[in-house]
Amino acid sequence: MAGNFKLALIQMLVEGGRKEENLFHAEELIFRASEGGAQIALLPECMDLGWTHTSSQSEAEAIPDGKPYKRLSRTAKENNIYICAGLTESNGSKIFNSAVLINNKGELKLLHRKLNELDIGFDYYNPGDRLNVVETEFGVIGLMICADAFAEDQVLSRSLCYMGADVILSPSSWAVSNTKLYSEKNPYGEIWRKNYGPVSKKYKVWIAGVSNVGELTEGPWAGRTCIGSSLVFDPDGREVLQGPYGPDAEAIIYVDIKTEERPFRGHDWIKSEK
């Protein structure tokens, strides 16, 4: 289905283990995004506790019964905005690196658990076991998380396209070493360009990835720095937006998304494009 909307990429500071502070800050930024006219707000990976922070093992909460989800659900309803955010999820004895899509009524529309976790994340999170999309008034939306994008042959993002996604939203946490941070002349993002661009062009889909900013203070990458540089690619495979780069580059970045009715993107459609 077709739809137009304004997407806000919330490139926020995430402080490891500081759940209450991160949630409060997210609420402030979502309010600002709504005031700026956004209909969907996209927040980073594990924005409640920080990616691979040791607090994930004791502070993760359930979805939808935990405080982080309930706070975001209330915020979505109060601000009449969809929210996509990465959360650290507890489910029984398992911990997941998850993402939610909440509609403007505060209802959970999608729950995705990261499938292609980095090997250094295996001690923190269990892998998910499925992909899904949801039809909204803005088009069909699919979720992935960070490294899901570069699973072999982009199999996960391509699968979302075969499932009918018009837009793929990706909460992320992009970190670099301090050596790279202070020697890099060009903004971070080449790995994502190589994986977002071909998929967006071939399947005529929007792909948006947002990263947090700030230092990773615990875990296997302690001392590395998250640097923003959030990216959006349009259905022609063009990079239409990149967020600012650096540990202090917190920002709300807006992009107008337009989805259109088009043929089924299965084998017949792909053949017709050759």
Protein backbone atom coordinates (compact mmCIF):
# COMPACT_ATOMS: atom_id res chain seq x y z
CA MET A 1 0.00 0.00 0.00
CA ALA A 2 1.07 3.60 -0.51
CA GLY A 3 1.64 6.25 2.12
CA ASN A 4 3.62 9.37 2.95
CA PHE A 5 5.12 10.21 6.32
CA LYS A 6 7.90 12.08 8.06
CA LEU A 7 10.45 9.85 9.77
CA ALA A 8 12.56 11.14 12.66
CA LEU A 9 15.88 9.37 13.24
CA ILE A 10 16.68 9.98 16.91
CA GLN A 11 20.46 9.72 17.12
CA MET A 12 20.50 9.83 20.92
CA LEU A 13 23.10 9.51 23.63
CA VAL A 14 22.72 6.10 25.28
CA GLU A 15 24.46 5.70 28.66
CA GLY A 16 25.33 2.12 29.52
CA GLY A 17 23.27 0.65 32.36
CA ARG A 18 21.38 3.88 33.06
CA LYS A 19 17.90 2.69 32.18
CA GLU A 20 15.88 5.41 33.88
CA GLU A 21 18.00 8.21 32.43
CA ASN A 22 17.89 6.72 28.94
CA LEU A 23 14.12 6.29 29.01
CA PHE A 24 13.55 9.82 30.27
CA HIS A 25 15.86 11.22 27.62
CA ALA A 26 14.13 9.18 24.91
CA GLU A 27 10.76 10.54 26.01
CA GLU A 28 12.08 14.10 25.70
CA LEU A 29 13.47 13.46 22.23
CA ILE A 30 10.31 11.70 21.02
CA PHE A 31 8.26 14.69 22.18
CA ARG A 32 10.56 16.99 20.19
CA ALA A 33 10.28 14.73 17.14
CA SER A 34 6.50 14.81 17.36
CA GLU A 35 6.56 18.60 17.69
CA GLY A 36 8.74 18.62 14.57
CA GLY A 37 6.01 16.86 12.60
CA ALA A 38 7.32 13.28 12.63
CA GLN A 39 4.79 10.45 12.38
CA ILE A 40 7.37 7.71 13.12
CA ALA A 41 10.36 8.02 15.46
CA LEU A 42 13.27 5.58 15.07
CA LEU A 43 15.56 5.06 18.09
CA PRO A 44 18.82 3.07 18.47
CA GLU A 45 19.59 -0.53 19.38
CA CYS A 46 19.34 -1.46 23.11
CA MET A 47 18.52 2.17 23.90
CA ASP A 48 17.45 1.25 27.43
CA LEU A 49 20.73 -0.28 28.69
CA GLY A 50 23.26 0.00 25.86
CA TRP A 51 24.51 -2.75 23.56
CA THR A 52 26.48 -5.55 25.35
CA HIS A 53 26.37 -3.70 28.65
CA THR A 54 26.66 -6.16 31.54
CA SER A 55 23.44 -4.81 33.08
CA SER A 56 21.56 -6.64 30.31
CA GLN A 57 21.88 -9.85 32.32
CA SER A 58 20.10 -8.47 35.39
CA GLU A 59 18.12 -5.43 34.20
CA ALA A 60 16.43 -6.64 31.01
CA GLU A 61 12.63 -6.57 31.18
CA ALA A 62 9.77 -8.30 29.43
CA ILE A 63 7.91 -7.04 26.37
CA PRO A 64 5.15 -5.86 26.68
CA ASP A 65 4.99 -6.13 30.48
CA GLY A 66 8.26 -4.41 31.41
CA LYS A 67 8.79 -0.75 32.28
CA PRO A 68 10.77 0.25 29.15
CA TYR A 69 8.09 -1.00 26.79
CA LYS A 70 5.27 0.49 28.87
CA ARG A 71 7.01 3.86 28.97
CA LEU A 72 7.46 3.90 25.20
CA SER A 73 3.89 2.73 24.65
CA ARG A 74 2.56 5.58 26.78
CA THR A 75 4.84 8.06 25.02
CA ALA A 76 3.63 6.92 21.60
CA LYS A 77 0.01 7.41 22.63
CA GLU A 78 0.58 10.76 24.34
CA ASN A 79 2.44 12.15 21.33
CA ASN A 80 0.32 10.51 18.60
CA ILE A 81 3.42 8.99 17.01
CA TYR A 82 4.70 5.57 15.99
CA ILE A 83 7.89 4.51 17.80
CA CYS A 84 10.48 1.98 16.67
CA ALA A 85 13.14 1.33 19.30
CA GLY A 86 15.70 -1.25 20.35
CA LEU A 87 15.14 -2.75 23.82
CA THR A 88 16.87 -5.37 25.94
CA GLU A 89 14.23 -8.07 26.43
CA SER A 90 13.89 -10.71 29.11
CA ASN A 91 11.77 -13.72 28.24
CA GLY A 92 11.88 -16.48 30.82
CA SER A 93 15.54 -17.39 31.27
CA LYS A 94 16.56 -15.83 27.94
CA ILE A 95 17.76 -12.34 27.07
CA PHE A 96 17.19 -10.93 23.59
CA ASN A 97 18.43 -7.92 21.65
CA SER A 98 15.00 -6.83 20.45
CA ALA A 99 13.20 -4.08 18.59
CA VAL A 100 9.58 -3.00 18.80
CA LEU A 101 7.24 -1.05 16.56
CA ILE A 102 4.50 0.67 18.56
CA ASN A 103 1.67 2.51 16.84
CA ASN A 104 0.28 5.92 17.81
CA LYS A 105 -2.34 4.27 20.01
CA GLY A 106 0.38 2.62 22.11
CA GLU A 107 -0.19 -0.84 20.61
CA LEU A 108 2.60 -3.30 19.87
CA LYS A 109 2.60 -3.96 16.12
CA LEU A 110 5.93 -5.79 15.69
CA LEU A 111 8.52 -7.46 17.91
CA HIS A 112 11.81 -8.46 16.29
CA ARG A 113 14.67 -10.31 18.01
CA LYS A 114 18.08 -9.83 16.42
CA LEU A 115 19.16 -12.82 14.36
CA ASN A 116 22.67 -11.95 13.17
CA GLU A 117 24.35 -10.93 16.42
CA LEU A 118 28.11 -10.32 16.37
CA ASP A 119 30.12 -13.10 18.00
CA ILE A 120 31.08 -10.78 20.88
CA GLY A 121 27.36 -10.47 21.67
CA PHE A 122 26.73 -14.21 22.08
CA ASP A 123 27.36 -14.05 25.84
CA TYR A 124 24.68 -11.39 26.21
CA TYR A 125 21.81 -12.24 23.88
CA ASN A 126 19.99 -15.25 22.50
CA PRO A 127 19.25 -15.21 18.74
CA GLY A 128 15.76 -14.64 17.44
CA ASP A 129 13.98 -17.20 15.30
CA ARG A 130 11.74 -15.29 12.88
CA LEU A 131 11.14 -12.24 10.68
CA ASN A 132 7.90 -10.36 10.19
CA VAL A 133 6.34 -7.27 8.63
CA VAL A 134 3.20 -5.29 9.40
CA GLU A 135 0.82 -3.29 7.24
CA THR A 136 0.29 0.28 8.45
CA GLU A 137 -1.28 3.44 7.04
CA PHE A 138 2.24 4.41 5.96
CA GLY A 139 2.96 1.22 4.03
CA VAL A 140 4.32 -2.19 5.01
CA ILE A 141 7.08 -1.92 7.62
CA GLY A 142 9.72 -4.51 8.47
CA LEU A 143 12.28 -4.48 11.27
CA MET A 144 15.89 -5.58 11.52
CA ILE A 145 18.62 -4.70 14.00
CA CYS A 146 22.12 -3.46 13.11
CA ALA A 147 24.21 -6.46 11.92
CA ASP A 148 21.08 -8.20 10.62
CA ALA A 149 21.75 -6.02 7.55
CA PHE A 150 24.98 -7.80 6.68
CA ALA A 151 23.93 -11.39 7.21
CA GLU A 152 25.36 -13.35 4.28
CA ASP A 153 24.04 -12.07 0.94
CA GLN A 154 21.81 -9.65 2.89
CA VAL A 155 19.46 -12.60 3.34
CA LEU A 156 17.48 -11.02 6.19
CA SER A 157 16.78 -7.65 4.59
CA ARG A 158 16.06 -9.35 1.26
CA SER A 159 13.62 -11.68 3.02
CA LEU A 160 11.78 -8.69 4.48
CA CYS A 161 11.47 -7.36 0.94
CA TYR A 162 9.99 -10.66 -0.28
CA MET A 163 7.53 -10.38 2.60
CA GLY A 164 6.35 -7.08 1.13
CA ALA A 165 8.19 -4.42 3.12
CA ASP A 166 8.01 -0.88 1.76
CA VAL A 167 10.19 0.44 4.57
CA ILE A 168 12.81 -1.36 6.68
CA LEU A 169 13.67 0.27 10.00
CA SER A 170 16.90 -0.70 11.77
CA PRO A 171 17.81 0.34 15.33
CA SER A 172 21.62 0.15 15.46
CA SER A 173 24.68 0.82 17.61
CA TRP A 174 27.66 1.72 15.40
CA ALA A 175 30.94 1.90 17.32
CA VAL A 176 34.55 2.62 16.37
CA SER A 177 37.84 2.40 18.23
CA ASN A 178 39.21 5.65 19.58
CA THR A 179 42.14 5.36 17.17
CA LYS A 180 39.70 5.32 14.27
CA LEU A 181 37.52 7.99 15.87
CA TYR A 182 40.30 10.56 15.98
CA SER A 183 42.03 9.62 12.73
CA GLU A 184 39.03 9.08 10.45
CA LYS A 185 38.56 11.84 7.88
CA ASN A 186 35.34 10.54 6.37
CA PRO A 187 32.13 9.75 8.26
CA TYR A 188 31.51 6.15 9.23
CA GLY A 189 29.16 4.05 7.15
CA GLU A 190 30.76 2.24 4.21
CA ILE A 191 29.75 -1.21 5.48
CA TRP A 192 26.12 -0.07 5.66
CA ARG A 193 26.22 1.59 2.25
CA LYS A 194 27.38 -1.71 0.75
CA ASN A 195 24.48 -3.56 2.38
CA TYR A 196 21.65 -1.00 2.33
CA GLY A 197 22.19 0.34 -1.19
CA PRO A 198 21.89 -2.83 -3.32
CA VAL A 199 18.84 -4.09 -1.42
CA SER A 200 17.00 -0.77 -1.50
CA LYS A 201 17.62 -0.44 -5.25
CA LYS A 202 16.76 -3.99 -6.28
CA TYR A 203 13.59 -4.28 -4.21
CA LYS A 204 12.47 -0.62 -4.36
CA VAL A 205 12.39 -0.28 -0.58
CA TRP A 206 13.36 2.45 1.90
CA ILE A 207 15.99 1.44 4.47
CA ALA A 208 16.72 3.58 7.53
CA GLY A 209 19.32 2.80 10.20
CA VAL A 210 19.83 4.95 13.28
CA SER A 211 22.78 4.69 15.68
CA ASN A 212 23.30 6.07 19.14
CA VAL A 213 26.25 8.19 20.24
CA GLY A 214 28.50 8.01 23.32
CA GLU A 215 31.12 5.72 24.84
CA LEU A 216 30.62 2.02 25.49
CA THR A 217 31.63 1.75 29.16
CA GLU A 218 31.32 -2.01 29.74
CA GLY A 219 31.39 -5.25 27.80
CA PRO A 220 33.73 -6.58 25.10
CA TRP A 221 33.97 -3.23 23.31
CA ALA A 222 34.40 -1.08 26.42
CA GLY A 223 36.26 2.08 25.43
CA ARG A 224 34.91 2.16 21.90
CA THR A 225 32.69 5.05 20.90
CA CYS A 226 29.31 5.09 19.18
CA ILE A 227 29.33 7.79 16.55
CA GLY A 228 25.89 8.23 14.98
CA SER A 229 26.22 8.68 11.21
CA SER A 230 22.67 7.33 10.79
CA LEU A 231 21.71 6.53 7.19
CA VAL A 232 18.65 6.47 4.94
CA PHE A 233 18.48 4.95 1.45
CA ASP A 234 15.57 5.48 -0.94
CA PRO A 235 13.96 2.95 -3.34
CA ASP A 236 16.39 3.97 -6.10
CA GLY A 237 19.33 2.90 -3.96
CA ARG A 238 20.42 6.48 -3.28
CA GLU A 239 21.74 7.67 0.05
CA VAL A 240 19.41 10.55 0.89
CA LEU A 241 20.58 11.31 4.40
CA GLN A 242 23.49 10.80 6.77
CA GLY A 243 23.48 11.96 10.36
CA PRO A 244 26.36 13.83 12.00
CA TYR A 245 29.45 11.88 13.08
CA GLY A 246 31.03 11.78 16.53
CA PRO A 247 30.57 10.94 20.23
CA ASP A 248 28.67 14.17 20.85
CA ALA A 249 26.64 14.14 17.64
CA GLU A 250 23.22 13.70 19.22
CA ALA A 251 20.58 14.86 16.78
CA ILE A 252 17.04 14.43 15.51
CA ILE A 253 17.16 14.07 11.74
CA TYR A 254 14.04 14.18 9.59
CA VAL A 255 13.34 12.63 6.21
CA ASP A 256 10.15 12.55 4.15
CA ILE A 257 9.25 9.00 3.11
CA LYS A 258 6.95 8.23 0.19
CA THR A 259 5.84 4.68 -0.50
CA GLU A 260 3.96 3.69 -3.64
CA GLU A 261 1.77 0.86 -4.83
CA ARG A 262 3.86 -1.51 -6.93
CA PRO A 263 3.94 -5.11 -8.17
CA PHE A 264 4.63 -8.09 -5.96
CA ARG A 265 8.37 -8.38 -5.38
CA GLY A 266 8.65 -12.12 -5.75
CA HIS A 267 10.44 -14.00 -8.54
CA ASP A 268 8.09 -12.86 -11.29
CA TRP A 269 8.59 -9.20 -10.43
CA ILE A 270 12.36 -9.52 -10.28
CA LYS A 271 12.43 -11.26 -13.67
CA SER A 272 10.30 -8.53 -15.19
CA GLU A 273 12.87 -5.96 -14.10
CA LYS A 274 15.79 -7.67 -15.85
